[in-house]
Amino acid sequence: MGRRKIEIKRIENSIERKAMFLRLRDDIFKKANALEKLCHVEVAVLVISPTNVPYTYGNPCFNDVVEHIQNPSASSKIVSLMKELECIKELEEVWTKRQQRNREKSNMKGIVDLKLEEIVAFKRKLEAFQVGLKRKIVEMEDLSSPSMVSKKTKKRRQGPSFIPDRAGLRPIIPQNYLE
């Protein structure tokens, strides 16, 4: 069951002729669309019906294609600018997607989205965190070196002090502690 060959001749019945015209017109527009998409060319189709009604199809636009034919230098500039604009839009989309992915990964607001008050508050929090971190570093240094004991650790160590004797065998308990 292949396609059967249609004899090309005028259709006498006016209703059949109008139906065939509409079907073939749509087929021609579909083929023009496919040609434009596959070959990336500009396409313009003008069909005038038996009742003198014009039907047009153009990609990107029928008038643009006709203008391109009438004035090729101006339209080539427009086409190049349109292509450049499309490239810029694509780059903007890629950049926006990357920015969105980075925000989703960090689960934080982007710096761009923050208001001035939020940035100032964030700066204060960072400074407070930095002060706390420095305090912790000092405390850790005090605890790690036995020769340098901070005031806080001196207060904690009040009470009996054990001083080893010269042989290092037995601690000596001070007299005032026993009384």
C-alpha atoms as a PDB file:
ATOM      1  CA  MET A   1       0.000   0.000   0.000  1.00  0.00           C
ATOM      2  CA  GLY A   2       2.062   2.888  -1.207  1.00  0.00           C
ATOM      3  CA  ARG A   3       0.988   6.270  -2.282  1.00  0.00           C
ATOM      4  CA  ARG A   4      -1.022   6.317  -5.387  1.00  0.00           C
ATOM      5  CA  LYS A   5      -0.166   8.680  -8.161  1.00  0.00           C
ATOM      6  CA  ILE A   6      -2.593  11.570  -8.514  1.00  0.00           C
ATOM      7  CA  GLU A   7      -3.239  12.915 -11.939  1.00  0.00           C
ATOM      8  CA  ILE A   8      -2.702  16.661 -11.874  1.00  0.00           C
ATOM      9  CA  LYS A   9      -5.649  18.372 -13.517  1.00  0.00           C
ATOM     10  CA  ARG A  10      -8.208  20.994 -12.589  1.00  0.00           C
ATOM     11  CA  ILE A  11     -10.833  19.827 -10.095  1.00  0.00           C
ATOM     12  CA  GLU A  12     -14.245  20.657 -11.546  1.00  0.00           C
ATOM     13  CA  ASN A  13     -16.303  20.395  -8.340  1.00  0.00           C
ATOM     14  CA  SER A  14     -15.967  23.746  -6.509  1.00  0.00           C
ATOM     15  CA  ILE A  15     -16.445  22.266  -3.013  1.00  0.00           C
ATOM     16  CA  GLU A  16     -13.766  19.623  -3.610  1.00  0.00           C
ATOM     17  CA  ARG A  17     -11.510  22.288  -5.138  1.00  0.00           C
ATOM     18  CA  LYS A  18     -11.824  24.530  -2.032  1.00  0.00           C
ATOM     19  CA  ALA A  19     -11.195  21.601   0.317  1.00  0.00           C
ATOM     20  CA  MET A  20      -8.133  20.519  -1.691  1.00  0.00           C
ATOM     21  CA  PHE A  21      -6.862  24.130  -1.675  1.00  0.00           C
ATOM     22  CA  LEU A  22      -7.105  24.385   2.131  1.00  0.00           C
ATOM     23  CA  ARG A  23      -5.418  21.020   2.656  1.00  0.00           C
ATOM     24  CA  LEU A  24      -2.585  21.724   0.205  1.00  0.00           C
ATOM     25  CA  ARG A  25      -2.137  25.270   1.558  1.00  0.00           C
ATOM     26  CA  ASP A  26      -1.629  23.878   5.054  1.00  0.00           C
ATOM     27  CA  ASP A  27       0.786  21.252   3.689  1.00  0.00           C
ATOM     28  CA  ILE A  28       2.815  23.929   1.902  1.00  0.00           C
ATOM     29  CA  PHE A  29       3.043  26.006   5.100  1.00  0.00           C
ATOM     30  CA  LYS A  30       4.158  22.914   7.058  1.00  0.00           C
ATOM     31  CA  LYS A  31       6.845  22.169   4.469  1.00  0.00           C
ATOM     32  CA  ALA A  32       8.025  25.798   4.597  1.00  0.00           C
ATOM     33  CA  ASN A  33       8.233  25.597   8.390  1.00  0.00           C
ATOM     34  CA  ALA A  34      10.219  22.346   8.190  1.00  0.00           C
ATOM     35  CA  LEU A  35      12.572  23.893   5.605  1.00  0.00           C
ATOM     36  CA  GLU A  36      13.188  26.889   7.860  1.00  0.00           C
ATOM     37  CA  LYS A  37      13.878  24.760  10.931  1.00  0.00           C
ATOM     38  CA  LEU A  38      16.069  22.159   9.223  1.00  0.00           C
ATOM     39  CA  CYS A  39      18.140  24.501   7.073  1.00  0.00           C
ATOM     40  CA  HIS A  40      17.917  27.659   9.224  1.00  0.00           C
ATOM     41  CA  VAL A  41      16.845  29.849   6.325  1.00  0.00           C
ATOM     42  CA  GLU A  42      14.345  32.651   5.903  1.00  0.00           C
ATOM     43  CA  VAL A  43      11.110  31.497   4.240  1.00  0.00           C
ATOM     44  CA  ALA A  44       8.187  33.436   2.812  1.00  0.00           C
ATOM     45  CA  VAL A  45       5.182  31.867   1.102  1.00  0.00           C
ATOM     46  CA  LEU A  46       2.344  33.815  -0.489  1.00  0.00           C
ATOM     47  CA  VAL A  47      -0.741  31.927  -1.663  1.00  0.00           C
ATOM     48  CA  ILE A  48      -3.779  33.633  -3.165  1.00  0.00           C
ATOM     49  CA  SER A  49      -6.999  31.669  -3.015  1.00  0.00           C
ATOM     50  CA  PRO A  50      -9.479  31.325  -5.898  1.00  0.00           C
ATOM     51  CA  THR A  51     -11.572  33.964  -4.104  1.00  0.00           C
ATOM     52  CA  ASN A  52      -8.572  36.387  -4.174  1.00  0.00           C
ATOM     53  CA  VAL A  53      -7.815  36.075  -0.442  1.00  0.00           C
ATOM     54  CA  PRO A  54      -4.047  36.202   0.232  1.00  0.00           C
ATOM     55  CA  TYR A  55      -2.552  33.733   2.698  1.00  0.00           C
ATOM     56  CA  THR A  56       1.008  34.330   3.867  1.00  0.00           C
ATOM     57  CA  TYR A  57       3.562  32.408   5.839  1.00  0.00           C
ATOM     58  CA  GLY A  58       6.962  33.750   6.763  1.00  0.00           C
ATOM     59  CA  ASN A  59       9.667  32.901   9.152  1.00  0.00           C
ATOM     60  CA  PRO A  60      10.836  34.968  11.034  1.00  0.00           C
ATOM     61  CA  CYS A  61       8.057  37.177   9.587  1.00  0.00           C
ATOM     62  CA  PHE A  62       6.667  37.513   6.067  1.00  0.00           C
ATOM     63  CA  ASN A  63       7.237  41.295   5.968  1.00  0.00           C
ATOM     64  CA  ASP A  64      10.820  40.922   7.221  1.00  0.00           C
ATOM     65  CA  VAL A  65      11.634  38.411   4.497  1.00  0.00           C
ATOM     66  CA  VAL A  66      10.127  40.656   1.816  1.00  0.00           C
ATOM     67  CA  GLU A  67      12.060  43.645   3.216  1.00  0.00           C
ATOM     68  CA  HIS A  68      15.227  41.558   3.155  1.00  0.00           C
ATOM     69  CA  ILE A  69      14.638  40.868  -0.530  1.00  0.00           C
ATOM     70  CA  GLN A  70      13.977  44.535  -1.296  1.00  0.00           C
ATOM     71  CA  ASN A  71      16.828  45.980   0.830  1.00  0.00           C
ATOM     72  CA  PRO A  72      19.422  43.301   1.608  1.00  0.00           C
ATOM     73  CA  SER A  73      22.040  45.509   3.330  1.00  0.00           C
ATOM     74  CA  ALA A  74      19.733  46.890   6.026  1.00  0.00           C
ATOM     75  CA  SER A  75      18.134  43.571   6.833  1.00  0.00           C
ATOM     76  CA  SER A  76      21.487  41.781   7.065  1.00  0.00           C
ATOM     77  CA  LYS A  77      22.458  44.237   9.798  1.00  0.00           C
ATOM     78  CA  ILE A  78      19.184  43.559  11.561  1.00  0.00           C
ATOM     79  CA  VAL A  79      19.689  39.823  11.265  1.00  0.00           C
ATOM     80  CA  SER A  80      23.214  40.041  12.677  1.00  0.00           C
ATOM     81  CA  LEU A  81      21.970  42.192  15.548  1.00  0.00           C
ATOM     82  CA  MET A  82      19.134  39.743  16.212  1.00  0.00           C
ATOM     83  CA  LYS A  83      21.589  36.830  16.295  1.00  0.00           C
ATOM     84  CA  GLU A  84      23.814  38.761  18.683  1.00  0.00           C
ATOM     85  CA  LEU A  85      20.792  39.526  20.867  1.00  0.00           C
ATOM     86  CA  GLU A  86      19.861  35.827  20.914  1.00  0.00           C
ATOM     87  CA  CYS A  87      23.398  34.912  21.980  1.00  0.00           C
ATOM     88  CA  ILE A  88      23.279  37.488  24.763  1.00  0.00           C
ATOM     89  CA  LYS A  89      19.923  36.148  25.939  1.00  0.00           C
ATOM     90  CA  GLU A  90      21.285  32.585  25.973  1.00  0.00           C
ATOM     91  CA  LEU A  91      24.322  33.695  27.996  1.00  0.00           C
ATOM     92  CA  GLU A  92      22.043  35.534  30.399  1.00  0.00           C
ATOM     93  CA  GLU A  93      19.941  32.401  30.859  1.00  0.00           C
ATOM     94  CA  VAL A  94      23.052  30.307  31.528  1.00  0.00           C
ATOM     95  CA  TRP A  95      24.336  32.877  34.018  1.00  0.00           C
ATOM     96  CA  THR A  96      20.953  33.044  35.760  1.00  0.00           C
ATOM     97  CA  LYS A  97      20.791  29.236  36.014  1.00  0.00           C
ATOM     98  CA  ARG A  98      24.312  29.085  37.464  1.00  0.00           C
ATOM     99  CA  GLN A  99      23.449  31.779  39.982  1.00  0.00           C
ATOM    100  CA  GLN A 100      20.303  29.890  40.970  1.00  0.00           C
ATOM    101  CA  ARG A 101      22.243  26.627  41.370  1.00  0.00           C
ATOM    102  CA  ASN A 102      24.841  28.373  43.545  1.00  0.00           C
ATOM    103  CA  ARG A 103      22.099  29.815  45.758  1.00  0.00           C
ATOM    104  CA  GLU A 104      20.469  26.412  46.089  1.00  0.00           C
ATOM    105  CA  LYS A 105      23.795  24.795  46.986  1.00  0.00           C
ATOM    106  CA  SER A 106      24.636  27.336  49.652  1.00  0.00           C
ATOM    107  CA  ASN A 107      21.066  27.557  51.011  1.00  0.00           C
ATOM    108  CA  MET A 108      21.755  31.212  51.676  1.00  0.00           C
ATOM    109  CA  LYS A 109      20.605  34.449  50.165  1.00  0.00           C
ATOM    110  CA  GLY A 110      22.948  35.891  47.612  1.00  0.00           C
ATOM    111  CA  ILE A 111      24.774  39.102  48.464  1.00  0.00           C
ATOM    112  CA  VAL A 112      22.968  40.713  45.569  1.00  0.00           C
ATOM    113  CA  ASP A 113      19.577  40.055  47.191  1.00  0.00           C
ATOM    114  CA  LEU A 114      20.500  41.526  50.587  1.00  0.00           C
ATOM    115  CA  LYS A 115      19.476  44.998  51.664  1.00  0.00           C
ATOM    116  CA  LEU A 116      21.894  47.455  53.259  1.00  0.00           C
ATOM    117  CA  GLU A 117      20.509  46.862  56.750  1.00  0.00           C
ATOM    118  CA  GLU A 118      20.925  43.103  56.357  1.00  0.00           C
ATOM    119  CA  ILE A 119      24.524  43.519  55.208  1.00  0.00           C
ATOM    120  CA  VAL A 120      25.331  45.787  58.189  1.00  0.00           C
ATOM    121  CA  ALA A 121      23.737  43.300  60.603  1.00  0.00           C
ATOM    122  CA  PHE A 122      25.674  40.460  58.970  1.00  0.00           C
ATOM    123  CA  LYS A 123      28.893  42.468  59.371  1.00  0.00           C
ATOM    124  CA  ARG A 124      28.187  42.982  63.094  1.00  0.00           C
ATOM    125  CA  LYS A 125      27.583  39.270  63.556  1.00  0.00           C
ATOM    126  CA  LEU A 126      30.843  38.475  61.786  1.00  0.00           C
ATOM    127  CA  GLU A 127      32.742  40.931  63.993  1.00  0.00           C
ATOM    128  CA  ALA A 128      31.190  39.437  67.153  1.00  0.00           C
ATOM    129  CA  PHE A 129      32.083  35.965  65.935  1.00  0.00           C
ATOM    130  CA  GLN A 130      35.652  37.119  65.258  1.00  0.00           C
ATOM    131  CA  VAL A 131      35.987  38.537  68.797  1.00  0.00           C
ATOM    132  CA  GLY A 132      34.654  35.299  70.286  1.00  0.00           C
ATOM    133  CA  LEU A 133      37.026  33.286  68.142  1.00  0.00           C
ATOM    134  CA  LYS A 134      40.018  35.353  69.283  1.00  0.00           C
ATOM    135  CA  ARG A 135      38.965  34.868  72.920  1.00  0.00           C
ATOM    136  CA  LYS A 136      38.763  31.097  72.405  1.00  0.00           C
ATOM    137  CA  ILE A 137      42.208  31.072  70.787  1.00  0.00           C
ATOM    138  CA  VAL A 138      43.689  32.927  73.772  1.00  0.00           C
ATOM    139  CA  GLU A 139      42.051  30.511  76.205  1.00  0.00           C
ATOM    140  CA  MET A 140      43.342  27.508  74.292  1.00  0.00           C
ATOM    141  CA  GLU A 141      46.880  28.956  74.242  1.00  0.00           C
ATOM    142  CA  ASP A 142      46.678  29.546  77.997  1.00  0.00           C
ATOM    143  CA  LEU A 143      45.599  25.986  78.624  1.00  0.00           C
ATOM    144  CA  SER A 144      48.230  24.492  76.364  1.00  0.00           C
ATOM    145  CA  SER A 145      51.272  26.277  77.847  1.00  0.00           C
ATOM    146  CA  PRO A 146      51.874  25.545  81.577  1.00  0.00           C
ATOM    147  CA  SER A 147      54.216  28.517  82.080  1.00  0.00           C
ATOM    148  CA  MET A 148      51.611  31.088  81.058  1.00  0.00           C
ATOM    149  CA  VAL A 149      48.517  30.784  83.183  1.00  0.00           C
ATOM    150  CA  SER A 150      45.726  33.286  82.753  1.00  0.00           C
ATOM    151  CA  LYS A 151      43.963  35.004  85.657  1.00  0.00           C
ATOM    152  CA  LYS A 152      40.892  32.823  85.219  1.00  0.00           C
ATOM    153  CA  THR A 153      42.851  29.612  85.554  1.00  0.00           C
ATOM    154  CA  LYS A 154      44.694  30.956  88.641  1.00  0.00           C
ATOM    155  CA  LYS A 155      41.385  31.478  90.412  1.00  0.00           C
ATOM    156  CA  ARG A 156      40.338  27.935  89.540  1.00  0.00           C
ATOM    157  CA  ARG A 157      43.587  26.476  90.935  1.00  0.00           C
ATOM    158  CA  GLN A 158      43.242  28.006  94.418  1.00  0.00           C
ATOM    159  CA  GLY A 159      43.361  25.448  97.149  1.00  0.00           C
ATOM    160  CA  PRO A 160      45.985  22.884  98.146  1.00  0.00           C
ATOM    161  CA  SER A 161      49.010  22.851  95.942  1.00  0.00           C
ATOM    162  CA  PHE A 162      51.082  19.732  95.720  1.00  0.00           C
ATOM    163  CA  ILE A 163      54.805  20.325  95.557  1.00  0.00           C
ATOM    164  CA  PRO A 164      56.891  17.249  94.864  1.00  0.00           C
ATOM    165  CA  ASP A 165      59.896  16.609  97.097  1.00  0.00           C
ATOM    166  CA  ARG A 166      63.387  16.596  95.726  1.00  0.00           C
ATOM    167  CA  ALA A 167      63.396  12.950  94.953  1.00  0.00           C
ATOM    168  CA  GLY A 168      60.042  13.276  93.203  1.00  0.00           C
ATOM    169  CA  LEU A 169      58.617  10.363  95.084  1.00  0.00           C
ATOM    170  CA  ARG A 170      56.104  11.950  97.377  1.00  0.00           C
ATOM    171  CA  PRO A 171      54.131  15.198  97.248  1.00  0.00           C
ATOM    172  CA  ILE A 172      54.595  17.657 100.081  1.00  0.00           C
ATOM    173  CA  ILE A 173      51.414  19.008 101.634  1.00  0.00           C
ATOM    174  CA  PRO A 174      51.764  22.532 103.012  1.00  0.00           C
ATOM    175  CA  GLN A 175      51.402  23.014 106.774  1.00  0.00           C
ATOM    176  CA  ASN A 176      48.639  25.598 106.579  1.00  0.00           C
ATOM    177  CA  TYR A 177      46.456  23.081 104.754  1.00  0.00           C
ATOM    178  CA  LEU A 178      46.581  20.519 107.551  1.00  0.00           C
ATOM    179  CA  GLU A 179      45.544  22.920 110.311  1.00  0.00           C
END
